[in-house]
Amino acid sequence: MDALTIARIPLFASLPAAEISSLADRLGCIEIPPGSVFLSEGESGECFYVILHGQVEIIKALGTTEERLLGIRRAGDFVGEMSLIGDSRARTASVRSSTQVRLLEMARTDFDSLLHRYPTMAYELARVLSFSLRDSNDATIRDLQQKNQQLATAYDELRAAQAQIIVKEKLEHELELAREIQESMLPRCLPHFPGFELAARMIPARTVGGDFYDFIALDADRLGIAVGDVSDKGIPSALFMAMTRSLMRSEAHRAGSPRAALEWVDRTLLEMNEAGMFVTVLYGILDRTTGFFQYVRAGHVLPILCHADGTVITPPASLGQPLGILPGASLDENSLQLTPGSALVLYSDGITDATSVDGEFFGIQRLQRAVIDGRHDPVEGMCERVLEAMRSHSGTAPPHDDVTLVIVRCCGDAERAEMRGPGDRQLSGWDCAH
């Protein structure tokens, strides 16, 4: 070992030249590669080391959740000295090289002998240890301050998360109440309308939706049937739906025709609508004595009529504007003739616009095919067949729109004649089918 190198080490700088030359002859050097733990906390120590080149880390509780960095030591500093002071001889921390390190190694016996010959060197050792302890204390305080800050941040985040959970639970409760209220607005059961079978489904894309359907008993022989689709989804559309349905029911009994009813609803919505929302509606009146369905369409999708032989009729489209947008909305008025075994299908575009995982629409052709395939099923089964075809097409793709489906099937001649017999009841209010 070069004596000049040892003389530049602060701990040995005060020693005489002869002592430094003696140390150069006795002390050896070792090389430590980067990332090596060469002193381990708790082990017995018989040597200490002076750093000639490189940098090491002093680490407490290495490899545990309590691990923390106490300090950095560089050339001229020494490590491992704490095990040489006192009786336990245990390392108080681990030392890991962060670079390639060259160390000067001194055994305990050589260290003790040197202190006995030159007691004043203990002052330099004490001074260095004092600085080291100060650095370690500072590092510990910084670590505690950092942990306190992390705890304070975690507490604030926990408190904010708890507040969000409370708000979320309250919102979910309110949404559930809204769903129950919306369900209560839809027909609780379908009316018994002699000569015809009825089925209906409404599936919101969210907890609540903007679609609706309704059956309005006008008199013993006439049944009003409505299907609507409010713009947007969620609570705003559900509220607009409730308002539209209430207006429809109140006017259906007074109006002389479906057109008159929708024109009045349109005017009323324009007076009350400040949110810029609109609704598409198909409303018609079914006469059980003739099987004639006269309807008016306000921007809604066209109905489908499937005859018993599988022939599908879709009425020609003409201009029809949604309600609640502009005064004097243009309405499409038309009629369909139901014959024994035929089925009238009213729906919202949530069915035809349902997409597969690759973005392909369910479309009108798939809808018509499902209707044709189910024409001999019970009307409830026919309704379920259509929805199952849509669900099969969509797969795992999430719903993007509310879905509404109403199917009205005309019974056979014998059944219709029986239902028109002298014992028929008058249809009033909600006379539910069993």
Protein backbone atom coordinates (compact mmCIF):
# COMPACT_ATOMS: atom_id res chain seq x y z
CA MET A 1 0.00 0.00 0.00
CA ASP A 2 1.28 3.47 -0.90
CA ALA A 3 2.18 5.51 2.23
CA LEU A 4 1.04 8.74 0.54
CA THR A 5 -2.43 7.29 0.07
CA ILE A 6 -2.66 6.43 3.78
CA ALA A 7 -1.34 9.88 4.77
CA ARG A 8 -4.22 11.52 2.85
CA ILE A 9 -6.80 9.64 4.93
CA PRO A 10 -8.12 12.11 7.59
CA LEU A 11 -8.13 9.47 10.35
CA PHE A 12 -4.38 8.80 9.88
CA ALA A 13 -3.24 12.28 8.83
CA SER A 14 -1.90 13.19 12.30
CA LEU A 15 0.31 10.07 12.61
CA PRO A 16 4.07 10.29 12.24
CA ALA A 17 5.63 9.33 8.92
CA ALA A 18 7.18 6.20 10.42
CA GLU A 19 3.76 4.99 11.67
CA ILE A 20 2.16 5.69 8.29
CA SER A 21 4.97 3.75 6.58
CA SER A 22 4.38 0.85 9.01
CA LEU A 23 0.65 0.85 8.26
CA ALA A 24 1.41 0.83 4.54
CA ASP A 25 3.44 -2.35 5.05
CA ARG A 26 0.83 -4.14 7.21
CA LEU A 27 -2.56 -3.15 5.77
CA GLY A 28 -4.03 -4.81 2.72
CA CYS A 29 -6.56 -3.69 0.08
CA ILE A 30 -9.67 -5.46 -1.18
CA GLU A 31 -11.87 -4.80 -4.21
CA ILE A 32 -15.68 -4.96 -3.97
CA PRO A 33 -17.89 -5.09 -7.11
CA PRO A 34 -20.97 -2.87 -7.38
CA GLY A 35 -24.13 -4.01 -5.57
CA SER A 36 -22.33 -6.21 -3.07
CA VAL A 37 -23.28 -6.35 0.62
CA PHE A 38 -19.90 -6.84 2.32
CA LEU A 39 -20.98 -5.93 5.88
CA SER A 40 -24.23 -7.30 7.32
CA GLU A 41 -26.18 -5.88 10.24
CA GLY A 42 -25.96 -8.05 13.36
CA GLU A 43 -22.89 -10.05 12.37
CA SER A 44 -19.73 -9.99 14.48
CA GLY A 45 -17.08 -7.57 13.23
CA GLU A 46 -13.32 -7.91 13.65
CA CYS A 47 -12.26 -5.40 10.99
CA PHE A 48 -13.09 -1.94 9.82
CA TYR A 49 -12.49 -0.46 6.40
CA VAL A 50 -11.32 2.82 4.96
CA ILE A 51 -12.75 3.70 1.55
CA LEU A 52 -9.97 4.45 -0.91
CA HIS A 53 -12.14 4.65 -4.02
CA GLY A 54 -15.84 4.41 -4.82
CA GLN A 55 -19.07 4.84 -2.86
CA VAL A 56 -21.07 2.71 -0.41
CA GLU A 57 -24.53 2.87 1.21
CA ILE A 58 -25.18 2.47 4.94
CA ILE A 59 -28.51 0.62 5.26
CA LYS A 60 -30.62 -0.24 8.29
CA ALA A 61 -32.94 -3.28 8.27
CA LEU A 62 -31.80 -4.32 4.80
CA GLY A 63 -34.30 -6.48 2.92
CA THR A 64 -37.25 -5.78 5.24
CA THR A 65 -40.27 -3.49 5.03
CA GLU A 66 -38.48 -1.20 7.50
CA GLU A 67 -35.40 -0.78 5.29
CA ARG A 68 -34.02 2.73 5.19
CA LEU A 69 -30.86 4.44 3.95
CA LEU A 70 -28.82 6.01 6.75
CA GLY A 71 -26.13 7.61 4.66
CA ILE A 72 -23.56 7.52 1.88
CA ARG A 73 -19.84 7.05 2.44
CA ARG A 74 -17.14 8.02 -0.09
CA ALA A 75 -13.36 8.01 -0.46
CA GLY A 76 -11.65 8.98 2.82
CA ASP A 77 -14.56 7.78 4.99
CA PHE A 78 -14.49 4.54 6.96
CA VAL A 79 -17.12 1.89 7.73
CA GLY A 80 -17.44 -0.96 10.21
CA GLU A 81 -15.90 1.04 13.06
CA MET A 82 -18.96 0.71 15.38
CA SER A 83 -18.30 -3.03 15.89
CA LEU A 84 -14.83 -2.19 17.20
CA ILE A 85 -16.24 0.06 19.92
CA GLY A 86 -17.89 -1.66 22.85
CA ASP A 87 -18.22 -5.30 23.82
CA SER A 88 -20.95 -6.66 21.52
CA ARG A 89 -18.83 -6.42 18.36
CA ALA A 90 -22.08 -6.61 16.32
CA ARG A 91 -22.45 -4.62 13.11
CA THR A 92 -25.09 -1.92 13.63
CA ALA A 93 -25.98 -1.62 9.94
CA SER A 94 -25.33 -3.23 6.58
CA VAL A 95 -22.99 -1.75 3.97
CA ARG A 96 -23.57 -2.17 0.24
CA SER A 97 -21.32 -0.98 -2.56
CA SER A 98 -23.08 1.30 -5.05
CA THR A 99 -20.00 1.43 -7.33
CA GLN A 100 -16.79 -0.50 -7.72
CA VAL A 101 -15.11 0.01 -4.34
CA ARG A 102 -11.52 -0.29 -3.18
CA LEU A 103 -11.09 -0.67 0.61
CA LEU A 104 -8.23 -0.56 3.07
CA GLU A 105 -8.83 -3.29 5.68
CA MET A 106 -7.66 -2.93 9.33
CA ALA A 107 -8.05 -5.70 11.91
CA ARG A 108 -9.34 -5.01 15.42
CA THR A 109 -5.97 -5.86 16.99
CA ASP A 110 -4.13 -3.38 14.77
CA PHE A 111 -6.78 -0.72 15.49
CA ASP A 112 -6.56 -1.20 19.29
CA SER A 113 -2.78 -1.14 19.20
CA LEU A 114 -2.75 2.07 17.19
CA LEU A 115 -5.15 3.79 19.62
CA HIS A 116 -2.95 2.83 22.56
CA ARG A 117 0.14 4.29 20.91
CA TYR A 118 -1.62 7.43 19.69
CA PRO A 119 -4.59 8.26 21.98
CA THR A 120 -5.11 11.60 20.23
CA MET A 121 -6.36 9.67 17.19
CA ALA A 122 -9.45 8.89 19.28
CA TYR A 123 -10.46 12.54 18.97
CA GLU A 124 -10.47 12.31 15.19
CA LEU A 125 -12.41 9.06 15.41
CA ALA A 126 -14.92 10.66 17.80
CA ARG A 127 -15.27 13.66 15.50
CA VAL A 128 -15.96 11.48 12.48
CA LEU A 129 -18.39 9.31 14.47
CA SER A 130 -20.18 12.45 15.64
CA PHE A 131 -20.66 13.58 12.05
CA SER A 132 -21.81 10.10 11.08
CA LEU A 133 -24.34 9.96 13.92
CA ARG A 134 -25.56 13.42 12.99
CA ASP A 135 -26.00 12.36 9.37
CA SER A 136 -27.79 9.18 10.48
CA ASN A 137 -30.09 11.15 12.78
CA ASP A 138 -30.82 13.63 10.02
CA ALA A 139 -31.57 10.78 7.64
CA THR A 140 -33.85 9.15 10.23
CA ILE A 141 -35.69 12.41 10.81
CA ARG A 142 -36.09 12.93 7.07
CA ASP A 143 -37.34 9.40 6.74
CA LEU A 144 -39.85 9.89 9.55
CA GLN A 145 -40.98 13.18 8.07
CA GLN A 146 -41.44 11.51 4.69
CA LYS A 147 -43.40 8.67 6.29
CA ASN A 148 -45.54 11.15 8.20
CA GLN A 149 -46.25 12.98 4.97
CA GLN A 150 -47.13 9.70 3.28
CA LEU A 151 -49.43 8.81 6.18
CA ALA A 152 -51.08 12.23 6.02
CA THR A 153 -51.55 11.85 2.26
CA ALA A 154 -52.89 8.32 2.70
CA TYR A 155 -55.29 9.55 5.39
CA ASP A 156 -56.54 12.34 3.14
CA GLU A 157 -56.96 9.90 0.26
CA LEU A 158 -58.77 7.44 2.54
CA ARG A 159 -61.08 10.18 3.79
CA ALA A 160 -61.77 11.32 0.22
CA ALA A 161 -62.38 7.72 -0.86
CA GLN A 162 -64.77 7.21 2.05
CA ALA A 163 -66.65 10.36 1.04
CA GLN A 164 -66.82 9.10 -2.55
CA ILE A 165 -68.12 5.73 -1.34
CA ILE A 166 -70.85 7.49 0.65
CA VAL A 167 -71.80 9.60 -2.36
CA LYS A 168 -71.68 6.52 -4.61
CA GLU A 169 -73.88 4.51 -2.24
CA LYS A 170 -76.33 7.39 -1.99
CA LEU A 171 -76.39 7.75 -5.79
CA GLU A 172 -76.87 4.00 -6.24
CA HIS A 173 -79.74 4.09 -3.74
CA GLU A 174 -81.33 7.02 -5.56
CA LEU A 175 -80.85 5.25 -8.91
CA GLU A 176 -82.48 2.13 -7.50
CA LEU A 177 -85.42 4.20 -6.30
CA ALA A 178 -85.59 5.84 -9.73
CA ARG A 179 -85.60 2.40 -11.36
CA GLU A 180 -88.43 1.24 -9.10
CA ILE A 181 -90.40 4.41 -9.84
CA GLN A 182 -89.85 3.98 -13.57
CA GLU A 183 -90.93 0.35 -13.45
CA SER A 184 -94.06 1.38 -11.58
CA MET A 185 -94.88 3.77 -14.43
CA LEU A 186 -94.86 0.96 -16.97
CA PRO A 187 -97.91 -1.32 -17.11
CA ARG A 188 -97.84 -3.61 -14.09
CA CYS A 189 -99.61 -6.24 -16.17
CA LEU A 190 -100.81 -6.39 -19.73
CA PRO A 191 -104.50 -5.79 -20.46
CA HIS A 192 -106.82 -8.59 -21.49
CA PHE A 193 -107.91 -7.53 -24.96
CA PRO A 194 -110.24 -10.17 -26.45
CA GLY A 195 -109.02 -11.61 -29.72
CA PHE A 196 -105.41 -10.56 -29.24
CA GLU A 197 -102.34 -11.65 -27.30
CA LEU A 198 -99.89 -9.07 -25.95
CA ALA A 199 -96.26 -9.18 -24.85
CA ALA A 200 -93.85 -6.38 -23.95
CA ARG A 201 -90.29 -5.89 -22.68
CA MET A 202 -88.27 -2.80 -21.76
CA ILE A 203 -84.54 -3.14 -20.94
CA PRO A 204 -82.69 0.07 -19.97
CA ALA A 205 -79.04 0.43 -20.97
CA ARG A 206 -78.39 1.93 -17.53
CA THR A 207 -80.22 1.65 -14.23
CA VAL A 208 -82.97 3.83 -15.65
CA GLY A 209 -83.76 4.58 -19.27
CA GLY A 210 -85.68 6.79 -21.64
CA ASP A 211 -87.72 4.17 -23.50
CA PHE A 212 -91.34 3.45 -22.65
CA TYR A 213 -94.36 1.50 -23.82
CA ASP A 214 -97.97 1.79 -22.78
CA PHE A 215 -101.38 0.20 -23.30
CA ILE A 216 -104.36 2.53 -22.87
CA ALA A 217 -107.85 1.01 -22.64
CA LEU A 218 -110.03 3.49 -24.57
CA ASP A 219 -113.25 1.45 -24.55
CA ALA A 220 -114.39 -2.17 -24.89
CA ASP A 221 -113.26 -2.45 -28.52
CA ARG A 222 -110.30 -0.05 -28.81
CA LEU A 223 -106.85 -0.26 -27.24
CA GLY A 224 -104.28 2.51 -27.49
CA ILE A 225 -100.70 1.25 -27.90
CA ALA A 226 -97.66 3.54 -27.59
CA VAL A 227 -93.90 3.05 -27.85
CA GLY A 228 -91.45 5.89 -27.24
CA ASP A 229 -87.73 6.61 -27.17
CA VAL A 230 -86.34 9.73 -25.47
CA SER A 231 -83.04 11.24 -26.62
CA ASP A 232 -80.06 10.39 -24.44
CA LYS A 233 -80.11 7.93 -21.52
CA GLY A 234 -80.09 7.92 -17.74
CA ILE A 235 -82.07 10.00 -15.24
CA PRO A 236 -82.73 13.09 -17.47
CA SER A 237 -84.23 10.93 -20.21
CA ALA A 238 -86.19 8.92 -17.62
CA LEU A 239 -87.76 12.13 -16.30
CA PHE A 240 -88.60 13.30 -19.81
CA MET A 241 -90.03 9.85 -20.53
CA ALA A 242 -92.26 10.03 -17.44
CA MET A 243 -93.55 13.44 -18.49
CA THR A 244 -94.23 12.29 -22.06
CA ARG A 245 -96.04 9.13 -20.94
CA SER A 246 -98.22 11.10 -18.50
CA LEU A 247 -99.17 13.55 -21.25
CA MET A 248 -99.92 10.67 -23.62
CA ARG A 249 -102.23 8.93 -21.16
CA SER A 250 -104.09 12.11 -20.24
CA GLU A 251 -104.73 13.09 -23.88
CA ALA A 252 -105.42 9.64 -25.34
CA HIS A 253 -108.93 9.53 -23.87
CA ARG A 254 -109.81 13.06 -25.01
CA ALA A 255 -108.32 13.08 -28.49
CA GLY A 256 -110.39 11.86 -31.41
CA SER A 257 -107.43 10.28 -33.20
CA PRO A 258 -103.77 9.30 -32.66
CA ARG A 259 -102.69 12.35 -34.68
CA ALA A 260 -104.67 14.73 -32.47
CA ALA A 261 -103.17 13.14 -29.35
CA LEU A 262 -99.57 13.48 -30.52
CA GLU A 263 -100.07 17.02 -31.77
CA TRP A 264 -101.30 18.07 -28.33
CA VAL A 265 -98.40 16.24 -26.63
CA ASP A 266 -95.96 17.99 -28.98
CA ARG A 267 -97.34 21.44 -28.16
CA THR A 268 -97.24 20.75 -24.43
CA LEU A 269 -93.68 19.41 -24.52
CA LEU A 270 -92.51 22.53 -26.36
CA GLU A 271 -93.94 24.69 -23.57
CA MET A 272 -92.29 22.61 -20.82
CA ASN A 273 -89.03 21.50 -22.46
CA GLU A 274 -86.11 23.76 -21.50
CA ALA A 275 -83.49 21.00 -21.66
CA GLY A 276 -83.58 20.64 -25.44
CA MET A 277 -84.58 16.98 -25.26
CA PHE A 278 -86.94 15.23 -27.68
CA VAL A 279 -88.81 11.96 -27.97
CA THR A 280 -89.76 9.69 -30.86
CA VAL A 281 -93.19 8.09 -30.50
CA LEU A 282 -95.36 5.62 -32.34
CA TYR A 283 -98.94 5.71 -31.07
CA GLY A 284 -101.85 3.82 -32.59
CA ILE A 285 -105.31 2.54 -31.82
CA LEU A 286 -106.14 -1.15 -32.34
CA ASP A 287 -109.80 -2.02 -33.04
CA ARG A 288 -110.51 -5.58 -31.96
CA THR A 289 -113.63 -5.90 -34.08
CA THR A 290 -111.82 -5.19 -37.33
CA GLY A 291 -108.16 -5.91 -36.53
CA PHE A 292 -107.40 -2.45 -37.91
CA PHE A 293 -104.42 -0.61 -36.35
CA GLN A 294 -104.38 3.11 -37.14
CA TYR A 295 -101.17 4.78 -35.99
CA VAL A 296 -99.19 7.98 -36.21
CA ARG A 297 -95.39 8.07 -36.08
CA ALA A 298 -93.31 10.95 -34.71
CA GLY A 299 -89.79 10.13 -35.89
CA HIS A 300 -89.98 6.59 -34.48
CA VAL A 301 -88.82 3.44 -36.26
CA LEU A 302 -91.41 1.78 -38.53
CA PRO A 303 -93.56 -1.07 -37.21
CA ILE A 304 -93.35 -4.62 -38.58
CA LEU A 305 -96.34 -6.81 -39.45
CA CYS A 306 -95.64 -10.53 -39.83
CA HIS A 307 -98.45 -12.67 -41.28
CA ALA A 308 -99.04 -16.29 -40.35
CA ASP A 309 -97.41 -17.50 -43.57
CA GLY A 310 -94.17 -15.63 -42.78
CA THR A 311 -94.79 -12.69 -45.06
CA VAL A 312 -93.37 -9.52 -43.52
CA ILE A 313 -94.84 -6.10 -44.24
CA THR A 314 -93.04 -2.87 -43.36
CA PRO A 315 -95.15 0.21 -44.19
CA PRO A 316 -93.59 2.81 -46.48
CA ALA A 317 -91.80 5.57 -44.64
CA SER A 318 -92.75 9.22 -44.89
CA LEU A 319 -91.57 12.28 -43.02
CA GLY A 320 -92.03 12.10 -39.27
CA GLN A 321 -90.36 14.41 -36.76
CA PRO A 322 -89.73 13.75 -33.06
CA LEU A 323 -91.83 15.59 -30.49
CA GLY A 324 -90.51 18.52 -28.47
CA ILE A 325 -88.17 20.05 -31.09
CA LEU A 326 -90.08 22.39 -33.41
CA PRO A 327 -93.66 23.66 -33.44
CA GLY A 328 -96.01 21.77 -35.73
CA ALA A 329 -93.97 18.58 -36.04
CA SER A 330 -94.61 16.62 -39.21
CA LEU A 331 -96.22 13.27 -38.39
CA ASP A 332 -96.40 10.07 -40.43
CA GLU A 333 -99.92 8.64 -40.32
CA ASN A 334 -100.69 5.13 -41.60
CA SER A 335 -102.58 1.93 -40.80
CA LEU A 336 -102.09 -1.83 -40.79
CA GLN A 337 -104.59 -4.67 -41.02
CA LEU A 338 -104.04 -7.54 -38.59
CA THR A 339 -105.42 -10.89 -39.71
CA PRO A 340 -105.70 -14.15 -37.75
CA GLY A 341 -102.21 -15.42 -36.91
CA SER A 342 -100.46 -12.15 -37.80
CA ALA A 343 -98.20 -10.31 -35.32
CA LEU A 344 -97.61 -6.58 -35.01
CA VAL A 345 -94.10 -5.72 -33.78
CA LEU A 346 -93.34 -2.29 -32.30
CA TYR A 347 -89.84 -1.61 -31.03
CA SER A 348 -87.16 0.99 -30.32
CA ASP A 349 -83.95 1.35 -32.30
CA GLY A 350 -82.02 -0.06 -29.35
CA ILE A 351 -82.75 -3.47 -30.90
CA THR A 352 -81.61 -2.81 -34.47
CA ASP A 353 -78.67 -0.66 -33.29
CA ALA A 354 -77.35 -3.32 -30.91
CA THR A 355 -73.79 -4.09 -31.99
CA SER A 356 -71.57 -7.15 -31.88
CA VAL A 357 -68.08 -7.07 -30.39
CA ASP A 358 -66.72 -6.12 -33.83
CA GLY A 359 -69.22 -3.25 -34.22
CA GLU A 360 -71.74 -4.86 -36.60
CA PHE A 361 -75.37 -3.76 -36.09
CA PHE A 362 -78.10 -6.31 -35.34
CA GLY A 363 -80.13 -4.58 -38.06
CA ILE A 364 -83.65 -4.82 -39.43
CA GLN A 365 -83.04 -8.04 -41.38
CA ARG A 366 -81.98 -10.03 -38.31
CA LEU A 367 -84.96 -8.61 -36.44
CA GLN A 368 -87.36 -9.68 -39.21
CA ARG A 369 -85.77 -13.15 -39.34
CA ALA A 370 -86.26 -13.59 -35.56
CA VAL A 371 -89.89 -12.47 -35.90
CA ILE A 372 -90.52 -14.92 -38.77
CA ASP A 373 -88.83 -17.79 -36.91
CA GLY A 374 -90.97 -17.14 -33.83
CA ARG A 375 -94.30 -16.58 -35.54
CA HIS A 376 -95.67 -19.93 -34.30
CA ASP A 377 -94.38 -19.47 -30.73
CA PRO A 378 -96.61 -18.19 -27.92
CA VAL A 379 -96.44 -14.41 -28.03
CA GLU A 380 -94.23 -14.31 -24.90
CA GLY A 381 -91.90 -16.83 -26.51
CA MET A 382 -91.83 -14.82 -29.71
CA CYS A 383 -90.80 -11.75 -27.72
CA GLU A 384 -88.07 -13.68 -25.93
CA ARG A 385 -86.83 -15.19 -29.22
CA VAL A 386 -86.24 -11.71 -30.65
CA LEU A 387 -84.36 -10.53 -27.54
CA GLU A 388 -82.29 -13.73 -27.40
CA ALA A 389 -81.29 -13.26 -31.05
CA MET A 390 -80.19 -9.71 -30.23
CA ARG A 391 -78.25 -10.84 -27.14
CA SER A 392 -76.58 -13.66 -29.10
CA HIS A 393 -75.50 -11.16 -31.76
CA SER A 394 -74.13 -8.68 -29.20
CA GLY A 395 -72.20 -11.27 -27.21
CA THR A 396 -70.07 -9.54 -24.62
CA ALA A 397 -70.49 -6.08 -26.17
CA PRO A 398 -72.08 -3.70 -23.62
CA PRO A 399 -75.54 -2.23 -24.44
CA HIS A 400 -75.45 1.32 -25.79
CA ASP A 401 -79.16 2.08 -25.88
CA ASP A 402 -82.42 1.20 -24.17
CA VAL A 403 -84.39 -1.65 -25.71
CA THR A 404 -88.18 -1.80 -25.98
CA LEU A 405 -90.25 -4.46 -27.70
CA VAL A 406 -94.05 -4.80 -27.97
CA ILE A 407 -95.72 -7.65 -29.87
CA VAL A 408 -99.45 -7.90 -30.56
CA ARG A 409 -100.75 -11.12 -32.14
CA CYS A 410 -104.16 -11.54 -33.68
CA CYS A 411 -105.82 -14.81 -32.61
CA GLY A 412 -107.48 -17.31 -34.97
CA ASP A 413 -111.05 -16.86 -36.25
CA ALA A 414 -112.59 -19.38 -33.85
CA GLU A 415 -110.93 -17.82 -30.83
CA ARG A 416 -111.87 -14.33 -31.97
CA ALA A 417 -115.49 -15.39 -32.43
CA GLU A 418 -115.51 -16.91 -28.96
CA MET A 419 -113.99 -13.77 -27.47
CA ARG A 420 -116.65 -11.61 -29.15
CA GLY A 421 -119.42 -13.67 -27.61
CA PRO A 422 -122.28 -12.17 -25.55
CA GLY A 423 -120.49 -12.91 -22.29
CA ASP A 424 -117.61 -10.48 -22.93
CA ARG A 425 -116.65 -8.05 -20.22
CA GLN A 426 -116.19 -4.35 -20.81
CA LEU A 427 -112.50 -3.40 -20.84
CA SER A 428 -111.96 -0.65 -18.31
CA GLY A 429 -108.84 0.50 -16.48
CA TRP A 430 -106.17 -2.19 -16.18
CA ASP A 431 -107.99 -5.47 -16.73
CA CYS A 432 -105.00 -7.83 -16.58
CA ALA A 433 -104.71 -11.02 -18.59
CA HIS A 434 -104.15 -14.23 -16.70
